[in-house]
């Protein structure tokens, strides 16, 4: 599963509000369902495995920035990792349902 998403989100938000570009690498970066959230937060780079790149690119290309920012605002108010992941999956299912595997 996704570990410590709330901490990562708060850290990325603080970095960007201080004018420091944020890059996400590791497990959060290769989850297609988290890409809209990260884009909405203003993350400028994702470092992921080569196998994950096509799916992440597909998701990002399907996004509208205003919608991704709305998702980010919503998610920052959530308390649990499960609630965050659920909101992200719901968002993604309305944009690129072919990428979600249940």
C-alpha atoms as a PDB file:
ATOM      1  CA  UNK A   1       0.000   0.000   0.000  1.00  0.00           C
ATOM      2  CA  UNK A   2       0.875   3.646  -0.001  1.00  0.00           C
ATOM      3  CA  UNK A   3       2.828   4.573   3.103  1.00  0.00           C
ATOM      4  CA  UNK A   4       2.575   7.868   4.953  1.00  0.00           C
ATOM      5  CA  UNK A   5       0.697   9.759   2.235  1.00  0.00           C
ATOM      6  CA  UNK A   6      -0.443  12.551   4.546  1.00  0.00           C
ATOM      7  CA  UNK A   7       3.129  13.291   5.667  1.00  0.00           C
ATOM      8  CA  UNK A   8       4.333  13.279   2.066  1.00  0.00           C
ATOM      9  CA  UNK A   9       1.493  15.570   0.990  1.00  0.00           C
ATOM     10  CA  UNK A  10       2.136  18.066   3.753  1.00  0.00           C
ATOM     11  CA  UNK A  11       5.878  18.026   3.055  1.00  0.00           C
ATOM     12  CA  UNK A  12       5.366  18.599  -0.682  1.00  0.00           C
ATOM     13  CA  UNK A  13       2.881  21.396  -0.003  1.00  0.00           C
ATOM     14  CA  UNK A  14       5.256  23.145   2.403  1.00  0.00           C
ATOM     15  CA  UNK A  15       8.156  22.826  -0.020  1.00  0.00           C
ATOM     16  CA  UNK A  16       6.215  24.321  -2.884  1.00  0.00           C
ATOM     17  CA  UNK A  17       4.803  27.154  -0.791  1.00  0.00           C
ATOM     18  CA  UNK A  18       8.413  28.031   0.066  1.00  0.00           C
ATOM     19  CA  UNK A  19       9.259  28.148  -3.652  1.00  0.00           C
ATOM     20  CA  UNK A  20      11.216  24.897  -3.576  1.00  0.00           C
ATOM     21  CA  UNK A  21      10.418  22.547  -6.479  1.00  0.00           C
ATOM     22  CA  UNK A  22       9.116  19.213  -5.270  1.00  0.00           C
ATOM     23  CA  UNK A  23       9.999  15.868  -6.774  1.00  0.00           C
ATOM     24  CA  UNK A  24       8.371  12.660  -5.629  1.00  0.00           C
ATOM     25  CA  UNK A  25      10.185   9.382  -6.011  1.00  0.00           C
ATOM     26  CA  UNK A  26       9.520   5.915  -4.768  1.00  0.00           C
ATOM     27  CA  UNK A  27       6.222   4.162  -4.205  1.00  0.00           C
ATOM     28  CA  UNK A  28       3.985   7.240  -4.376  1.00  0.00           C
ATOM     29  CA  UNK A  29       5.416   8.216  -7.771  1.00  0.00           C
ATOM     30  CA  UNK A  30       4.514   4.962  -9.517  1.00  0.00           C
ATOM     31  CA  UNK A  31       0.873   4.771  -8.434  1.00  0.00           C
ATOM     32  CA  UNK A  32      -1.244   6.119 -11.322  1.00  0.00           C
ATOM     33  CA  UNK A  33      -4.076   6.893  -8.899  1.00  0.00           C
ATOM     34  CA  UNK A  34      -1.820   9.310  -7.002  1.00  0.00           C
ATOM     35  CA  UNK A  35      -0.541  11.181 -10.072  1.00  0.00           C
ATOM     36  CA  UNK A  36      -3.538  13.572 -10.251  1.00  0.00           C
ATOM     37  CA  UNK A  37      -3.100  14.397  -6.582  1.00  0.00           C
ATOM     38  CA  UNK A  38       0.612  15.057  -6.931  1.00  0.00           C
ATOM     39  CA  UNK A  39       0.054  17.231 -10.006  1.00  0.00           C
ATOM     40  CA  UNK A  40      -2.688  19.099  -8.159  1.00  0.00           C
ATOM     41  CA  UNK A  41      -0.295  19.784  -5.311  1.00  0.00           C
ATOM     42  CA  UNK A  42       2.198  21.254  -7.768  1.00  0.00           C
ATOM     43  CA  UNK A  43       4.761  18.469  -7.767  1.00  0.00           C
ATOM     44  CA  UNK A  44       7.012  19.212 -10.713  1.00  0.00           C
ATOM     45  CA  UNK A  45       8.698  15.830 -11.205  1.00  0.00           C
ATOM     46  CA  UNK A  46       7.975  12.178 -10.569  1.00  0.00           C
ATOM     47  CA  UNK A  47      10.745   9.605 -10.418  1.00  0.00           C
ATOM     48  CA  UNK A  48       9.426   6.151 -11.141  1.00  0.00           C
ATOM     49  CA  UNK A  49      10.335   2.824 -12.677  1.00  0.00           C
ATOM     50  CA  UNK A  50      10.404   2.579 -16.473  1.00  0.00           C
ATOM     51  CA  UNK A  51       7.476   0.138 -16.393  1.00  0.00           C
ATOM     52  CA  UNK A  52       5.236   2.723 -14.689  1.00  0.00           C
ATOM     53  CA  UNK A  53       5.983   5.617 -17.053  1.00  0.00           C
ATOM     54  CA  UNK A  54       3.368   4.864 -19.759  1.00  0.00           C
ATOM     55  CA  UNK A  55       0.536   4.634 -17.223  1.00  0.00           C
ATOM     56  CA  UNK A  56       1.613   7.785 -15.381  1.00  0.00           C
ATOM     57  CA  UNK A  57       1.930   9.700 -18.663  1.00  0.00           C
ATOM     58  CA  UNK A  58      -1.523   8.520 -19.726  1.00  0.00           C
ATOM     59  CA  UNK A  59      -3.033   9.774 -16.463  1.00  0.00           C
ATOM     60  CA  UNK A  60      -1.257  13.128 -16.530  1.00  0.00           C
ATOM     61  CA  UNK A  61      -2.246  13.735 -20.145  1.00  0.00           C
ATOM     62  CA  UNK A  62      -5.894  13.130 -19.246  1.00  0.00           C
ATOM     63  CA  UNK A  63      -5.892  15.747 -16.482  1.00  0.00           C
ATOM     64  CA  UNK A  64      -7.163  19.268 -16.264  1.00  0.00           C
ATOM     65  CA  UNK A  65      -5.032  21.196 -13.804  1.00  0.00           C
ATOM     66  CA  UNK A  66      -8.015  22.857 -12.117  1.00  0.00           C
ATOM     67  CA  UNK A  67      -9.559  19.449 -11.426  1.00  0.00           C
ATOM     68  CA  UNK A  68      -6.289  18.099 -10.039  1.00  0.00           C
ATOM     69  CA  UNK A  69      -6.015  21.136  -7.748  1.00  0.00           C
ATOM     70  CA  UNK A  70      -9.572  20.594  -6.518  1.00  0.00           C
ATOM     71  CA  UNK A  71      -8.682  16.975  -5.747  1.00  0.00           C
ATOM     72  CA  UNK A  72      -5.598  18.107  -3.819  1.00  0.00           C
ATOM     73  CA  UNK A  73      -7.628  20.581  -1.755  1.00  0.00           C
ATOM     74  CA  UNK A  74     -10.123  17.844  -0.926  1.00  0.00           C
ATOM     75  CA  UNK A  75      -7.481  15.261  -0.042  1.00  0.00           C
ATOM     76  CA  UNK A  76      -5.561  17.585   2.276  1.00  0.00           C
ATOM     77  CA  UNK A  77      -8.636  17.646   4.516  1.00  0.00           C
ATOM     78  CA  UNK A  78      -8.785  13.845   4.776  1.00  0.00           C
ATOM     79  CA  UNK A  79      -7.376  12.057   7.795  1.00  0.00           C
ATOM     80  CA  UNK A  80      -6.548   8.490   6.822  1.00  0.00           C
ATOM     81  CA  UNK A  81      -4.466   6.850   4.109  1.00  0.00           C
ATOM     82  CA  UNK A  82      -7.489   4.761   3.097  1.00  0.00           C
ATOM     83  CA  UNK A  83      -9.640   7.893   2.655  1.00  0.00           C
ATOM     84  CA  UNK A  84      -6.900   9.562   0.607  1.00  0.00           C
ATOM     85  CA  UNK A  85      -6.426   6.554  -1.653  1.00  0.00           C
ATOM     86  CA  UNK A  86     -10.189   6.137  -2.044  1.00  0.00           C
ATOM     87  CA  UNK A  87     -10.614   9.770  -3.122  1.00  0.00           C
ATOM     88  CA  UNK A  88      -7.755   9.433  -5.600  1.00  0.00           C
ATOM     89  CA  UNK A  89      -9.132   6.199  -7.044  1.00  0.00           C
ATOM     90  CA  UNK A  90     -12.593   7.733  -7.408  1.00  0.00           C
ATOM     91  CA  UNK A  91     -11.105  10.727  -9.216  1.00  0.00           C
ATOM     92  CA  UNK A  92      -9.032   8.519 -11.512  1.00  0.00           C
ATOM     93  CA  UNK A  93     -11.950   6.228 -12.312  1.00  0.00           C
ATOM     94  CA  UNK A  94     -13.791   9.192 -13.806  1.00  0.00           C
ATOM     95  CA  UNK A  95     -10.819  10.090 -16.046  1.00  0.00           C
ATOM     96  CA  UNK A  96      -8.985   6.895 -16.935  1.00  0.00           C
ATOM     97  CA  UNK A  97     -10.939   3.885 -15.629  1.00  0.00           C
ATOM     98  CA  UNK A  98      -8.912   1.529 -17.821  1.00  0.00           C
ATOM     99  CA  UNK A  99      -5.901   1.985 -15.519  1.00  0.00           C
ATOM    100  CA  UNK A 100      -7.561   0.808 -12.326  1.00  0.00           C
ATOM    101  CA  UNK A 101      -7.318  -2.860 -11.546  1.00  0.00           C
ATOM    102  CA  UNK A 102      -9.587  -4.009  -8.770  1.00  0.00           C
END
